[in-house]
């Protein structure tokens, strides 16, 4: 199992969620975050915006679904401009459904 963590532009969130749902990937966790990348924020006139608002999507999935999900996220979120975001793929050792006690891929 893997966890896909995608940091994306807030205005792209709805498009990403709809595209994932259309392909059968309904489960996700969303968190509003702020941060900066290599560009170290942006400067507009005299104002410096050190950290920008982003959305963090966390999706736990089977190994064979990673490429499909990542492709959907990239396709629906890419603008070609600085600040489009990042995707991290992390190994998941175990999952446990609190209500049922199920473990492993059955919880997905």
C-alpha atoms as a PDB file:
ATOM      1  CA  UNK A   1       0.000   0.000   0.000  1.00  0.00           C
ATOM      2  CA  UNK A   2       1.047   3.586  -0.596  1.00  0.00           C
ATOM      3  CA  UNK A   3       0.031   7.006   0.608  1.00  0.00           C
ATOM      4  CA  UNK A   4       0.025   9.744  -1.999  1.00  0.00           C
ATOM      5  CA  UNK A   5       0.494  13.188  -0.508  1.00  0.00           C
ATOM      6  CA  UNK A   6      -0.179  15.950  -3.015  1.00  0.00           C
ATOM      7  CA  UNK A   7       0.323  19.622  -2.254  1.00  0.00           C
ATOM      8  CA  UNK A   8      -1.748  21.537  -4.806  1.00  0.00           C
ATOM      9  CA  UNK A   9      -3.179  24.959  -5.598  1.00  0.00           C
ATOM     10  CA  UNK A  10      -6.460  25.585  -3.724  1.00  0.00           C
ATOM     11  CA  UNK A  11      -8.269  26.550  -6.926  1.00  0.00           C
ATOM     12  CA  UNK A  12      -7.465  23.120  -8.450  1.00  0.00           C
ATOM     13  CA  UNK A  13      -8.855  21.081  -5.556  1.00  0.00           C
ATOM     14  CA  UNK A  14     -12.415  20.667  -6.834  1.00  0.00           C
ATOM     15  CA  UNK A  15     -11.206  19.559 -10.297  1.00  0.00           C
ATOM     16  CA  UNK A  16      -8.858  17.000  -8.748  1.00  0.00           C
ATOM     17  CA  UNK A  17     -11.537  15.602  -6.425  1.00  0.00           C
ATOM     18  CA  UNK A  18     -14.086  15.298  -9.259  1.00  0.00           C
ATOM     19  CA  UNK A  19     -11.595  13.589 -11.585  1.00  0.00           C
ATOM     20  CA  UNK A  20     -10.552  11.107  -8.876  1.00  0.00           C
ATOM     21  CA  UNK A  21     -14.191  10.347  -8.055  1.00  0.00           C
ATOM     22  CA  UNK A  22     -14.996   9.716 -11.744  1.00  0.00           C
ATOM     23  CA  UNK A  23     -12.245   7.089 -11.809  1.00  0.00           C
ATOM     24  CA  UNK A  24     -13.527   5.388  -8.646  1.00  0.00           C
ATOM     25  CA  UNK A  25     -11.140   6.918  -6.109  1.00  0.00           C
ATOM     26  CA  UNK A  26     -13.533   8.540  -3.634  1.00  0.00           C
ATOM     27  CA  UNK A  27     -11.551   8.252  -0.386  1.00  0.00           C
ATOM     28  CA  UNK A  28      -9.199  11.088   0.487  1.00  0.00           C
ATOM     29  CA  UNK A  29      -8.235  13.454   3.249  1.00  0.00           C
ATOM     30  CA  UNK A  30      -7.846  17.171   2.616  1.00  0.00           C
ATOM     31  CA  UNK A  31      -5.994  19.664   4.794  1.00  0.00           C
ATOM     32  CA  UNK A  32      -5.532  23.397   4.190  1.00  0.00           C
ATOM     33  CA  UNK A  33      -1.854  24.274   4.610  1.00  0.00           C
ATOM     34  CA  UNK A  34       0.556  27.140   3.963  1.00  0.00           C
ATOM     35  CA  UNK A  35       4.094  26.879   2.724  1.00  0.00           C
ATOM     36  CA  UNK A  36       6.706  27.791   0.175  1.00  0.00           C
ATOM     37  CA  UNK A  37       8.866  26.016  -2.350  1.00  0.00           C
ATOM     38  CA  UNK A  38      12.131  26.856  -4.048  1.00  0.00           C
ATOM     39  CA  UNK A  39      10.787  30.264  -5.095  1.00  0.00           C
ATOM     40  CA  UNK A  40      10.678  31.288  -1.393  1.00  0.00           C
ATOM     41  CA  UNK A  41       7.265  32.930  -1.699  1.00  0.00           C
ATOM     42  CA  UNK A  42       6.313  35.770  -4.019  1.00  0.00           C
ATOM     43  CA  UNK A  43       6.823  39.540  -4.121  1.00  0.00           C
ATOM     44  CA  UNK A  44       4.036  41.817  -5.352  1.00  0.00           C
ATOM     45  CA  UNK A  45       5.094  45.467  -5.223  1.00  0.00           C
ATOM     46  CA  UNK A  46       6.363  46.126  -1.713  1.00  0.00           C
ATOM     47  CA  UNK A  47       4.592  43.096  -0.255  1.00  0.00           C
ATOM     48  CA  UNK A  48       6.399  39.809   0.322  1.00  0.00           C
ATOM     49  CA  UNK A  49       4.228  36.713   0.693  1.00  0.00           C
ATOM     50  CA  UNK A  50       6.549  34.267   2.395  1.00  0.00           C
ATOM     51  CA  UNK A  51       4.087  31.366   2.659  1.00  0.00           C
ATOM     52  CA  UNK A  52       1.245  30.701   0.251  1.00  0.00           C
ATOM     53  CA  UNK A  53      -2.010  28.808   0.832  1.00  0.00           C
ATOM     54  CA  UNK A  54      -2.095  25.265  -0.558  1.00  0.00           C
ATOM     55  CA  UNK A  55      -4.178  22.138  -0.112  1.00  0.00           C
ATOM     56  CA  UNK A  56      -2.691  18.826   1.010  1.00  0.00           C
ATOM     57  CA  UNK A  57      -4.470  15.743  -0.308  1.00  0.00           C
ATOM     58  CA  UNK A  58      -3.687  12.386   1.293  1.00  0.00           C
ATOM     59  CA  UNK A  59      -4.835   9.261  -0.504  1.00  0.00           C
ATOM     60  CA  UNK A  60      -3.995   5.744   0.659  1.00  0.00           C
ATOM     61  CA  UNK A  61      -4.242   3.180  -2.126  1.00  0.00           C
ATOM     62  CA  UNK A  62      -3.111  -0.161  -3.495  1.00  0.00           C
ATOM     63  CA  UNK A  63       0.325  -0.146  -5.139  1.00  0.00           C
ATOM     64  CA  UNK A  64      -1.199  -0.784  -8.572  1.00  0.00           C
ATOM     65  CA  UNK A  65      -3.375   2.363  -8.333  1.00  0.00           C
ATOM     66  CA  UNK A  66      -0.546   4.824  -7.659  1.00  0.00           C
ATOM     67  CA  UNK A  67       0.238   5.679 -11.293  1.00  0.00           C
ATOM     68  CA  UNK A  68      -3.437   6.212 -12.189  1.00  0.00           C
ATOM     69  CA  UNK A  69      -4.016   8.521  -9.215  1.00  0.00           C
ATOM     70  CA  UNK A  70      -0.792  10.481  -9.739  1.00  0.00           C
ATOM     71  CA  UNK A  71      -1.593  10.945 -13.442  1.00  0.00           C
ATOM     72  CA  UNK A  72      -5.065  12.277 -12.551  1.00  0.00           C
ATOM     73  CA  UNK A  73      -3.613  14.735 -10.041  1.00  0.00           C
ATOM     74  CA  UNK A  74      -0.992  15.992 -12.493  1.00  0.00           C
ATOM     75  CA  UNK A  75      -3.445  16.277 -15.384  1.00  0.00           C
ATOM     76  CA  UNK A  76      -6.022  18.223 -13.390  1.00  0.00           C
ATOM     77  CA  UNK A  77      -3.672  20.473 -11.396  1.00  0.00           C
ATOM     78  CA  UNK A  78      -0.809  21.453 -13.706  1.00  0.00           C
ATOM     79  CA  UNK A  79      -0.740  25.069 -14.898  1.00  0.00           C
ATOM     80  CA  UNK A  80       2.896  25.110 -15.975  1.00  0.00           C
ATOM     81  CA  UNK A  81       3.673  27.947 -13.561  1.00  0.00           C
ATOM     82  CA  UNK A  82       5.768  28.061 -10.423  1.00  0.00           C
ATOM     83  CA  UNK A  83       3.730  26.888  -7.436  1.00  0.00           C
ATOM     84  CA  UNK A  84       1.843  24.008  -9.058  1.00  0.00           C
ATOM     85  CA  UNK A  85       2.838  21.819  -6.113  1.00  0.00           C
ATOM     86  CA  UNK A  86       4.499  18.508  -5.307  1.00  0.00           C
ATOM     87  CA  UNK A  87       3.510  14.872  -4.963  1.00  0.00           C
ATOM     88  CA  UNK A  88       5.092  12.524  -2.437  1.00  0.00           C
ATOM     89  CA  UNK A  89       4.570   8.754  -2.437  1.00  0.00           C
ATOM     90  CA  UNK A  90       5.131   6.995   0.874  1.00  0.00           C
ATOM     91  CA  UNK A  91       5.028   3.305   1.810  1.00  0.00           C
ATOM     92  CA  UNK A  92       2.193   2.378   4.195  1.00  0.00           C
ATOM     93  CA  UNK A  93       3.113  -0.442   6.556  1.00  0.00           C
ATOM     94  CA  UNK A  94      -0.378  -1.134   7.904  1.00  0.00           C
ATOM     95  CA  UNK A  95      -3.896   0.280   8.055  1.00  0.00           C
ATOM     96  CA  UNK A  96      -6.528  -0.463  10.670  1.00  0.00           C
ATOM     97  CA  UNK A  97     -10.230   0.361  10.500  1.00  0.00           C
ATOM     98  CA  UNK A  98     -11.094   1.618  13.977  1.00  0.00           C
ATOM     99  CA  UNK A  99     -14.782   0.665  13.754  1.00  0.00           C
ATOM    100  CA  UNK A 100     -14.419  -2.880  12.365  1.00  0.00           C
ATOM    101  CA  UNK A 101     -10.895  -3.856  13.350  1.00  0.00           C
ATOM    102  CA  UNK A 102     -10.139  -4.827   9.721  1.00  0.00           C
ATOM    103  CA  UNK A 103      -6.528  -4.460   8.666  1.00  0.00           C
ATOM    104  CA  UNK A 104      -4.581  -4.162   5.437  1.00  0.00           C
ATOM    105  CA  UNK A 105      -6.018  -3.524   1.976  1.00  0.00           C
ATOM    106  CA  UNK A 106      -9.536  -4.475   3.145  1.00  0.00           C
ATOM    107  CA  UNK A 107      -9.631  -1.074   4.878  1.00  0.00           C
ATOM    108  CA  UNK A 108      -9.207   0.766   1.602  1.00  0.00           C
END
